[in-house]
C-alpha cells in the first residue's frame, strides 16, 4: 500500500494537513499487516507540526519498533527523513 501525501493534502506544513495524513496512516497500518509506504513525491519540506500530528501521534497506537518495521518513507528529502526519524525516536524514548 502506497500513500501519496500530495493525493491527500496540498502540502506538509500544518497540523490540519497532518491530521488528514494521520487518519489515513492509522487506518492503513491497522488493516495492512505488511506495512505502508508513504511517498513525499512533490513535497520538498515539512514542518514539525505536520510530522508531530501525522507520524508521532501514531505512537499512541503502535510501538516504535512496529512503526520502524511497517512504515517506509520514499521520494522524500533528507530534511523530511531526518525530521520523521528524529521525532519518532525522541518521543518513543520519552514514553519508554
PDB file of N, CA and C in Angstrom:
ATOM      1  N   UNK A   1       0.841  -1.177   0.000  1.00  0.00           N
ATOM      2  CA  UNK A   1       0.000   0.000   0.000  1.00  0.00           C
ATOM      3  C   UNK A   1       0.886   1.240   0.000  1.00  0.00           C
ATOM      4  N   UNK A   2       0.698   2.118  -0.984  1.00  0.00           N
ATOM      5  CA  UNK A   2       1.435   3.381  -1.060  1.00  0.00           C
ATOM      6  C   UNK A   2       0.464   4.529  -0.831  1.00  0.00           C
ATOM      7  N   UNK A   3       0.796   5.356   0.133  1.00  0.00           N
ATOM      8  CA  UNK A   3       0.021   6.568   0.403  1.00  0.00           C
ATOM      9  C   UNK A   3       0.852   7.739  -0.090  1.00  0.00           C
ATOM     10  N   UNK A   4       0.290   8.502  -1.022  1.00  0.00           N
ATOM     11  CA  UNK A   4       0.976   9.680  -1.548  1.00  0.00           C
ATOM     12  C   UNK A   4       0.443  10.917  -0.826  1.00  0.00           C
ATOM     13  N   UNK A   5       1.352  11.613  -0.161  1.00  0.00           N
ATOM     14  CA  UNK A   5       0.975  12.802   0.611  1.00  0.00           C
ATOM     15  C   UNK A   5       0.189  13.783  -0.252  1.00  0.00           C
ATOM     16  N   UNK A   6       0.662  14.038  -1.460  1.00  0.00           N
ATOM     17  CA  UNK A   6       0.016  15.025  -2.338  1.00  0.00           C
ATOM     18  C   UNK A   6      -1.372  14.592  -2.796  1.00  0.00           C
ATOM     19  N   UNK A   7      -1.698  13.303  -2.707  1.00  0.00           N
ATOM     20  CA  UNK A   7      -3.054  12.858  -3.023  1.00  0.00           C
ATOM     21  C   UNK A   7      -4.022  13.207  -1.899  1.00  0.00           C
ATOM     22  N   UNK A   8      -3.489  13.420  -0.699  1.00  0.00           N
ATOM     23  CA  UNK A   8      -4.328  13.696   0.463  1.00  0.00           C
ATOM     24  C   UNK A   8      -4.407  15.175   0.813  1.00  0.00           C
ATOM     25  N   UNK A   9      -3.273  15.867   0.713  1.00  0.00           N
ATOM     26  CA  UNK A   9      -3.184  17.270   1.118  1.00  0.00           C
ATOM     27  C   UNK A   9      -2.305  18.035   0.136  1.00  0.00           C
ATOM     28  N   UNK A  10      -2.408  19.355   0.164  1.00  0.00           N
ATOM     29  CA  UNK A  10      -1.627  20.158  -0.777  1.00  0.00           C
ATOM     30  C   UNK A  10      -0.186  20.360  -0.338  1.00  0.00           C
ATOM     31  N   UNK A  11       0.094  20.144   0.936  1.00  0.00           N
ATOM     32  CA  UNK A  11       1.447  20.301   1.456  1.00  0.00           C
ATOM     33  C   UNK A  11       1.605  19.557   2.762  1.00  0.00           C
ATOM     34  N   UNK A  12       2.765  19.687   3.356  1.00  0.00           N
ATOM     35  CA  UNK A  12       3.057  19.005   4.626  1.00  0.00           C
ATOM     36  C   UNK A  12       3.529  20.030   5.643  1.00  0.00           C
ATOM     37  N   UNK A  13       2.678  21.036   5.862  1.00  0.00           N
ATOM     38  CA  UNK A  13       3.102  22.173   6.666  1.00  0.00           C
ATOM     39  C   UNK A  13       2.284  22.439   7.924  1.00  0.00           C
ATOM     40  N   UNK A  14       1.044  22.007   7.941  1.00  0.00           N
ATOM     41  CA  UNK A  14       0.190  22.357   9.072  1.00  0.00           C
ATOM     42  C   UNK A  14      -0.253  21.121   9.848  1.00  0.00           C
ATOM     43  N   UNK A  15      -0.682  21.354  11.069  1.00  0.00           N
ATOM     44  CA  UNK A  15      -1.202  20.245  11.863  1.00  0.00           C
ATOM     45  C   UNK A  15      -2.520  19.732  11.273  1.00  0.00           C
ATOM     46  N   UNK A  16      -3.276  20.604  10.617  1.00  0.00           N
ATOM     47  CA  UNK A  16      -4.514  20.173   9.965  1.00  0.00           C
ATOM     48  C   UNK A  16      -4.212  19.192   8.834  1.00  0.00           C
ATOM     49  N   UNK A  17      -3.186  19.485   8.037  1.00  0.00           N
ATOM     50  CA  UNK A  17      -2.764  18.547   6.988  1.00  0.00           C
ATOM     51  C   UNK A  17      -2.244  17.261   7.621  1.00  0.00           C
ATOM     52  N   UNK A  18      -1.514  17.406   8.721  1.00  0.00           N
ATOM     53  CA  UNK A  18      -1.005  16.245   9.429  1.00  0.00           C
ATOM     54  C   UNK A  18      -2.118  15.345   9.937  1.00  0.00           C
ATOM     55  N   UNK A  19      -3.205  15.932  10.404  1.00  0.00           N
ATOM     56  CA  UNK A  19      -4.349  15.156  10.902  1.00  0.00           C
ATOM     57  C   UNK A  19      -4.967  14.301   9.800  1.00  0.00           C
ATOM     58  N   UNK A  20      -5.079  14.850   8.614  1.00  0.00           N
ATOM     59  CA  UNK A  20      -5.627  14.101   7.477  1.00  0.00           C
ATOM     60  C   UNK A  20      -4.729  12.914   7.156  1.00  0.00           C
ATOM     61  N   UNK A  21      -3.435  13.148   7.127  1.00  0.00           N
ATOM     62  CA  UNK A  21      -2.479  12.074   6.841  1.00  0.00           C
ATOM     63  C   UNK A  21      -2.473  11.053   7.972  1.00  0.00           C
ATOM     64  N   UNK A  22      -2.511  11.520   9.209  1.00  0.00           N
ATOM     65  CA  UNK A  22      -2.549  10.621  10.363  1.00  0.00           C
ATOM     66  C   UNK A  22      -3.722   9.646  10.277  1.00  0.00           C
ATOM     67  N   UNK A  23      -4.901  10.162   9.999  1.00  0.00           N
ATOM     68  CA  UNK A  23      -6.086   9.296   9.931  1.00  0.00           C
ATOM     69  C   UNK A  23      -5.910   8.204   8.880  1.00  0.00           C
ATOM     70  N   UNK A  24      -5.359   8.573   7.740  1.00  0.00           N
ATOM     71  CA  UNK A  24      -5.144   7.583   6.673  1.00  0.00           C
ATOM     72  C   UNK A  24      -4.072   6.572   7.072  1.00  0.00           C
ATOM     73  N   UNK A  25      -2.951   7.057   7.611  1.00  0.00           N
ATOM     74  CA  UNK A  25      -1.880   6.155   8.031  1.00  0.00           C
ATOM     75  C   UNK A  25      -2.348   5.202   9.121  1.00  0.00           C
ATOM     76  N   UNK A  26      -3.024   5.718  10.102  1.00  0.00           N
ATOM     77  CA  UNK A  26      -3.506   4.896  11.202  1.00  0.00           C
ATOM     78  C   UNK A  26      -4.447   3.813  10.696  1.00  0.00           C
ATOM     79  N   UNK A  27      -5.343   4.189   9.823  1.00  0.00           N
ATOM     80  CA  UNK A  27      -6.293   3.235   9.256  1.00  0.00           C
ATOM     81  C   UNK A  27      -5.581   2.144   8.465  1.00  0.00           C
ATOM     82  N   UNK A  28      -4.662   2.540   7.612  1.00  0.00           N
ATOM     83  CA  UNK A  28      -3.952   1.569   6.774  1.00  0.00           C
ATOM     84  C   UNK A  28      -3.035   0.678   7.597  1.00  0.00           C
ATOM     85  N   UNK A  29      -2.360   1.236   8.589  1.00  0.00           N
ATOM     86  CA  UNK A  29      -1.496   0.415   9.441  1.00  0.00           C
ATOM     87  C   UNK A  29      -2.317  -0.593  10.246  1.00  0.00           C
ATOM     88  N   UNK A  30      -3.521  -0.231  10.602  1.00  0.00           N
ATOM     89  CA  UNK A  30      -4.391  -1.153  11.326  1.00  0.00           C
ATOM     90  C   UNK A  30      -4.851  -2.300  10.432  1.00  0.00           C
ATOM     91  N   UNK A  31      -5.037  -2.017   9.159  1.00  0.00           N
ATOM     92  CA  UNK A  31      -5.535  -3.026   8.209  1.00  0.00           C
ATOM     93  C   UNK A  31      -4.434  -3.821   7.526  1.00  0.00           C
ATOM     94  N   UNK A  32      -3.321  -3.176   7.209  1.00  0.00           N
ATOM     95  CA  UNK A  32      -2.248  -3.794   6.433  1.00  0.00           C
ATOM     96  C   UNK A  32      -1.220  -4.420   7.353  1.00  0.00           C
ATOM     97  N   UNK A  33      -1.122  -5.716   7.355  1.00  0.00           N
ATOM     98  CA  UNK A  33      -0.130  -6.397   8.197  1.00  0.00           C
ATOM     99  C   UNK A  33       1.293  -6.183   7.668  1.00  0.00           C
ATOM    100  N   UNK A  34       1.433  -6.092   6.348  1.00  0.00           N
ATOM    101  CA  UNK A  34       2.762  -5.958   5.747  1.00  0.00           C
ATOM    102  C   UNK A  34       3.347  -4.560   5.919  1.00  0.00           C
ATOM    103  N   UNK A  35       2.510  -3.570   6.103  1.00  0.00           N
ATOM    104  CA  UNK A  35       3.012  -2.220   6.289  1.00  0.00           C
ATOM    105  C   UNK A  35       2.533  -1.252   5.234  1.00  0.00           C
ATOM    106  N   UNK A  36       3.040  -0.032   5.332  1.00  0.00           N
ATOM    107  CA  UNK A  36       2.595   1.063   4.490  1.00  0.00           C
ATOM    108  C   UNK A  36       3.811   1.837   3.997  1.00  0.00           C
ATOM    109  N   UNK A  37       3.750   2.248   2.741  1.00  0.00           N
ATOM    110  CA  UNK A  37       4.777   3.101   2.151  1.00  0.00           C
ATOM    111  C   UNK A  37       4.175   4.491   1.988  1.00  0.00           C
ATOM    112  N   UNK A  38       4.912   5.504   2.438  1.00  0.00           N
ATOM    113  CA  UNK A  38       4.453   6.890   2.330  1.00  0.00           C
ATOM    114  C   UNK A  38       5.359   7.608   1.332  1.00  0.00           C
ATOM    115  N   UNK A  39       4.748   8.148   0.282  1.00  0.00           N
ATOM    116  CA  UNK A  39       5.503   8.874  -0.736  1.00  0.00           C
ATOM    117  C   UNK A  39       5.349  10.377  -0.541  1.00  0.00           C
ATOM    118  N   UNK A  40       6.486  11.057  -0.469  1.00  0.00           N
ATOM    119  CA  UNK A  40       6.509  12.515  -0.380  1.00  0.00           C
ATOM    120  C   UNK A  40       6.829  13.138  -1.740  1.00  0.00           C
ATOM    121  N   UNK A  41       6.535  12.424  -2.806  1.00  0.00           N
ATOM    122  CA  UNK A  41       6.793  12.936  -4.149  1.00  0.00           C
ATOM    123  C   UNK A  41       6.125  14.297  -4.323  1.00  0.00           C
ATOM    124  N   UNK A  42       6.894  15.278  -4.781  1.00  0.00           N
ATOM    125  CA  UNK A  42       6.373  16.624  -4.974  1.00  0.00           C
ATOM    126  C   UNK A  42       6.355  17.487  -3.736  1.00  0.00           C
ATOM    127  N   UNK A  43       6.811  16.951  -2.609  1.00  0.00           N
ATOM    128  CA  UNK A  43       6.867  17.710  -1.352  1.00  0.00           C
ATOM    129  C   UNK A  43       8.341  17.930  -1.017  1.00  0.00           C
ATOM    130  N   UNK A  44       8.744  19.170  -0.877  1.00  0.00           N
ATOM    131  CA  UNK A  44      10.150  19.478  -0.628  1.00  0.00           C
ATOM    132  C   UNK A  44      10.487  19.673   0.842  1.00  0.00           C
ATOM    133  N   UNK A  45       9.530  20.178   1.619  1.00  0.00           N
ATOM    134  CA  UNK A  45       9.780  20.431   3.040  1.00  0.00           C
ATOM    135  C   UNK A  45       8.554  20.037   3.851  1.00  0.00           C
ATOM    136  N   UNK A  46       8.777  19.927   5.137  1.00  0.00           N
ATOM    137  CA  UNK A  46       7.682  19.666   6.062  1.00  0.00           C
ATOM    138  C   UNK A  46       7.944  20.443   7.344  1.00  0.00           C
ATOM    139  N   UNK A  47       6.918  20.598   8.133  1.00  0.00           N
ATOM    140  CA  UNK A  47       7.066  21.302   9.403  1.00  0.00           C
ATOM    141  C   UNK A  47       6.980  20.310  10.556  1.00  0.00           C
ATOM    142  N   UNK A  48       7.477  20.737  11.700  1.00  0.00           N
ATOM    143  CA  UNK A  48       7.402  19.867  12.873  1.00  0.00           C
ATOM    144  C   UNK A  48       5.955  19.630  13.287  1.00  0.00           C
ATOM    145  N   UNK A  49       5.083  20.620  13.104  1.00  0.00           N
ATOM    146  CA  UNK A  49       3.679  20.417  13.489  1.00  0.00           C
ATOM    147  C   UNK A  49       3.035  19.349  12.609  1.00  0.00           C
ATOM    148  N   UNK A  50       3.363  19.310  11.340  1.00  0.00           N
ATOM    149  CA  UNK A  50       2.842  18.266  10.456  1.00  0.00           C
ATOM    150  C   UNK A  50       3.359  16.897  10.885  1.00  0.00           C
ATOM    151  N   UNK A  51       4.654  16.783  11.094  1.00  0.00           N
ATOM    152  CA  UNK A  51       5.260  15.496  11.468  1.00  0.00           C
ATOM    153  C   UNK A  51       4.738  15.022  12.819  1.00  0.00           C
ATOM    154  N   UNK A  52       4.609  15.932  13.769  1.00  0.00           N
ATOM    155  CA  UNK A  52       4.113  15.539  15.092  1.00  0.00           C
ATOM    156  C   UNK A  52       2.719  14.929  15.008  1.00  0.00           C
ATOM    157  N   UNK A  53       1.848  15.531  14.232  1.00  0.00           N
ATOM    158  CA  UNK A  53       0.481  15.019  14.140  1.00  0.00           C
ATOM    159  C   UNK A  53       0.405  13.803  13.225  1.00  0.00           C
ATOM    160  N   UNK A  54       1.026  13.861  12.057  1.00  0.00           N
ATOM    161  CA  UNK A  54       0.905  12.773  11.078  1.00  0.00           C
ATOM    162  C   UNK A  54       1.640  11.513  11.503  1.00  0.00           C
ATOM    163  N   UNK A  55       2.814  11.638  12.115  1.00  0.00           N
ATOM    164  CA  UNK A  55       3.645  10.470  12.409  1.00  0.00           C
ATOM    165  C   UNK A  55       3.809  10.185  13.902  1.00  0.00           C
ATOM    166  N   UNK A  56       4.167  11.190  14.682  1.00  0.00           N
ATOM    167  CA  UNK A  56       4.451  10.963  16.098  1.00  0.00           C
ATOM    168  C   UNK A  56       3.200  10.482  16.834  1.00  0.00           C
ATOM    169  N   UNK A  57       2.047  11.007  16.479  1.00  0.00           N
ATOM    170  CA  UNK A  57       0.813  10.570  17.137  1.00  0.00           C
ATOM    171  C   UNK A  57       0.500   9.100  16.891  1.00  0.00           C
ATOM    172  N   UNK A  58       1.131   8.494  15.892  1.00  0.00           N
ATOM    173  CA  UNK A  58       0.952   7.054  15.653  1.00  0.00           C
ATOM    174  C   UNK A  58       1.477   6.232  16.831  1.00  0.00           C
ATOM    175  N   UNK A  59       2.403   6.816  17.605  1.00  0.00           N
ATOM    176  CA  UNK A  59       2.966   6.106  18.757  1.00  0.00           C
ATOM    177  C   UNK A  59       1.923   5.859  19.853  1.00  0.00           C
ATOM    178  N   UNK A  60       0.786   6.519  19.767  1.00  0.00           N
ATOM    179  CA  UNK A  60      -0.299   6.251  20.714  1.00  0.00           C
ATOM    180  C   UNK A  60      -0.971   4.906  20.438  1.00  0.00           C
ATOM    181  N   UNK A  61      -0.816   4.401  19.214  1.00  0.00           N
ATOM    182  CA  UNK A  61      -1.460   3.143  18.825  1.00  0.00           C
ATOM    183  C   UNK A  61      -0.488   2.049  18.414  1.00  0.00           C
ATOM    184  N   UNK A  62       0.713   2.435  18.022  1.00  0.00           N
ATOM    185  CA  UNK A  62       1.698   1.483  17.517  1.00  0.00           C
ATOM    186  C   UNK A  62       3.031   1.722  18.221  1.00  0.00           C
ATOM    187  N   UNK A  63       3.776   0.661  18.456  1.00  0.00           N
ATOM    188  CA  UNK A  63       5.086   0.817  19.089  1.00  0.00           C
ATOM    189  C   UNK A  63       6.085   1.381  18.074  1.00  0.00           C
ATOM    190  N   UNK A  64       7.140   1.965  18.595  1.00  0.00           N
ATOM    191  CA  UNK A  64       8.204   2.487  17.739  1.00  0.00           C
ATOM    192  C   UNK A  64       8.806   1.361  16.901  1.00  0.00           C
ATOM    193  N   UNK A  65       9.033   0.213  17.518  1.00  0.00           N
ATOM    194  CA  UNK A  65       9.598  -0.933  16.791  1.00  0.00           C
ATOM    195  C   UNK A  65       8.667  -1.361  15.655  1.00  0.00           C
ATOM    196  N   UNK A  66       7.383  -1.364  15.914  1.00  0.00           N
ATOM    197  CA  UNK A  66       6.410  -1.737  14.887  1.00  0.00           C
ATOM    198  C   UNK A  66       6.418  -0.731  13.741  1.00  0.00           C
ATOM    199  N   UNK A  67       6.459   0.546  14.063  1.00  0.00           N
ATOM    200  CA  UNK A  67       6.494   1.570  13.017  1.00  0.00           C
ATOM    201  C   UNK A  67       7.776   1.468  12.192  1.00  0.00           C
ATOM    202  N   UNK A  68       8.895   1.188  12.840  1.00  0.00           N
ATOM    203  CA  UNK A  68      10.157   1.048  12.105  1.00  0.00           C
ATOM    204  C   UNK A  68      10.079  -0.102  11.104  1.00  0.00           C
ATOM    205  N   UNK A  69       9.381  -1.161  11.476  1.00  0.00           N
ATOM    206  CA  UNK A  69       9.242  -2.321  10.592  1.00  0.00           C
ATOM    207  C   UNK A  69       8.222  -2.107   9.485  1.00  0.00           C
ATOM    208  N   UNK A  70       7.137  -1.409   9.798  1.00  0.00           N
ATOM    209  CA  UNK A  70       5.988  -1.403   8.911  1.00  0.00           C
ATOM    210  C   UNK A  70       5.730  -0.092   8.174  1.00  0.00           C
ATOM    211  N   UNK A  71       6.504   0.937   8.452  1.00  0.00           N
ATOM    212  CA  UNK A  71       6.304   2.235   7.818  1.00  0.00           C
ATOM    213  C   UNK A  71       7.564   2.615   7.047  1.00  0.00           C
ATOM    214  N   UNK A  72       7.408   2.841   5.757  1.00  0.00           N
ATOM    215  CA  UNK A  72       8.548   3.204   4.910  1.00  0.00           C
ATOM    216  C   UNK A  72       8.242   4.513   4.191  1.00  0.00           C
ATOM    217  N   UNK A  73       9.209   5.416   4.189  1.00  0.00           N
ATOM    218  CA  UNK A  73       9.060   6.712   3.538  1.00  0.00           C
ATOM    219  C   UNK A  73       9.920   6.710   2.272  1.00  0.00           C
ATOM    220  N   UNK A  74       9.307   7.106   1.148  1.00  0.00           N
ATOM    221  CA  UNK A  74      10.024   7.170  -0.122  1.00  0.00           C
ATOM    222  C   UNK A  74       9.828   8.543  -0.761  1.00  0.00           C
ATOM    223  N   UNK A  75      10.621   8.821  -1.795  1.00  0.00           N
ATOM    224  CA  UNK A  75      10.503  10.056  -2.570  1.00  0.00           C
ATOM    225  C   UNK A  75      10.552  11.295  -1.683  1.00  0.00           C
ATOM    226  N   UNK A  76      11.414  11.256  -0.673  1.00  0.00           N
ATOM    227  CA  UNK A  76      11.475  12.389   0.244  1.00  0.00           C
ATOM    228  C   UNK A  76      12.885  12.968   0.290  1.00  0.00           C
ATOM    229  N   UNK A  77      12.985  14.091   0.942  1.00  0.00           N
ATOM    230  CA  UNK A  77      14.274  14.756   1.092  1.00  0.00           C
ATOM    231  C   UNK A  77      14.944  14.302   2.383  1.00  0.00           C
ATOM    232  N   UNK A  78      16.195  14.605   2.514  1.00  0.00           N
ATOM    233  CA  UNK A  78      16.930  14.299   3.744  1.00  0.00           C
ATOM    234  C   UNK A  78      16.292  15.006   4.935  1.00  0.00           C
ATOM    235  N   UNK A  79      15.854  16.242   4.741  1.00  0.00           N
ATOM    236  CA  UNK A  79      15.208  17.014   5.824  1.00  0.00           C
ATOM    237  C   UNK A  79      13.959  16.298   6.321  1.00  0.00           C
ATOM    238  N   UNK A  80      13.133  15.839   5.405  1.00  0.00           N
ATOM    239  CA  UNK A  80      11.902  15.142   5.781  1.00  0.00           C
ATOM    240  C   UNK A  80      12.231  13.840   6.495  1.00  0.00           C
ATOM    241  N   UNK A  81      13.136  13.059   5.934  1.00  0.00           N
ATOM    242  CA  UNK A  81      13.530  11.787   6.560  1.00  0.00           C
ATOM    243  C   UNK A  81      14.056  11.998   7.971  1.00  0.00           C
ATOM    244  N   UNK A  82      14.960  12.951   8.121  1.00  0.00           N
ATOM    245  CA  UNK A  82      15.554  13.205   9.429  1.00  0.00           C
ATOM    246  C   UNK A  82      14.528  13.676  10.446  1.00  0.00           C
ATOM    247  N   UNK A  83      13.627  14.542  10.022  1.00  0.00           N
ATOM    248  CA  UNK A  83      12.631  15.050  10.958  1.00  0.00           C
ATOM    249  C   UNK A  83      11.718  13.917  11.437  1.00  0.00           C
ATOM    250  N   UNK A  84      11.243  13.094  10.541  1.00  0.00           N
ATOM    251  CA  UNK A  84      10.361  11.989  10.936  1.00  0.00           C
ATOM    252  C   UNK A  84      11.103  11.036  11.865  1.00  0.00           C
ATOM    253  N   UNK A  85      12.293  10.640  11.468  1.00  0.00           N
ATOM    254  CA  UNK A  85      13.068   9.675  12.259  1.00  0.00           C
ATOM    255  C   UNK A  85      13.400  10.229  13.641  1.00  0.00           C
ATOM    256  N   UNK A  86      13.865  11.472  13.696  1.00  0.00           N
ATOM    257  CA  UNK A  86      14.263  12.087  14.962  1.00  0.00           C
ATOM    258  C   UNK A  86      13.077  12.263  15.904  1.00  0.00           C
ATOM    259  N   UNK A  87      11.985  12.761  15.392  1.00  0.00           N
ATOM    260  CA  UNK A  87      10.805  12.999  16.240  1.00  0.00           C
ATOM    261  C   UNK A  87      10.231  11.688  16.783  1.00  0.00           C
ATOM    262  N   UNK A  88      10.161  10.669  15.931  1.00  0.00           N
ATOM    263  CA  UNK A  88       9.668   9.365  16.398  1.00  0.00           C
ATOM    264  C   UNK A  88      10.586   8.785  17.469  1.00  0.00           C
ATOM    265  N   UNK A  89      11.889   8.832  17.226  1.00  0.00           N
ATOM    266  CA  UNK A  89      12.846   8.262  18.179  1.00  0.00           C
ATOM    267  C   UNK A  89      12.807   8.999  19.510  1.00  0.00           C
ATOM    268  N   UNK A  90      12.802  10.322  19.475  1.00  0.00           N
ATOM    269  CA  UNK A  90      12.785  11.102  20.716  1.00  0.00           C
ATOM    270  C   UNK A  90      11.513  10.853  21.521  1.00  0.00           C
ATOM    271  N   UNK A  91      10.406  10.834  20.831  1.00  0.00           N
ATOM    272  CA  UNK A  91       9.137  10.639  21.526  1.00  0.00           C
ATOM    273  C   UNK A  91       9.037   9.234  22.097  1.00  0.00           C
ATOM    274  N   UNK A  92       9.498   8.253  21.345  1.00  0.00           N
ATOM    275  CA  UNK A  92       9.440   6.871  21.862  1.00  0.00           C
ATOM    276  C   UNK A  92      10.348   6.716  23.079  1.00  0.00           C
ATOM    277  N   UNK A  93      11.484   7.426  23.109  1.00  0.00           N
ATOM    278  CA  UNK A  93      12.375   7.376  24.279  1.00  0.00           C
ATOM    279  C   UNK A  93      11.705   8.010  25.493  1.00  0.00           C
ATOM    280  N   UNK A  94      10.941   9.069  25.281  1.00  0.00           N
ATOM    281  CA  UNK A  94      10.269   9.741  26.383  1.00  0.00           C
ATOM    282  C   UNK A  94       9.134   8.883  26.949  1.00  0.00           C
ATOM    283  N   UNK A  95       8.488   8.111  26.096  1.00  0.00           N
ATOM    284  CA  UNK A  95       7.370   7.278  26.519  1.00  0.00           C
ATOM    285  C   UNK A  95       7.870   6.011  27.221  1.00  0.00           C
ATOM    286  N   UNK A  96       9.014   5.513  26.783  1.00  0.00           N
ATOM    287  CA  UNK A  96       9.539   4.237  27.314  1.00  0.00           C
ATOM    288  C   UNK A  96       9.958   4.318  28.750  1.00  0.00           C
TER     289      UNK A  96
END
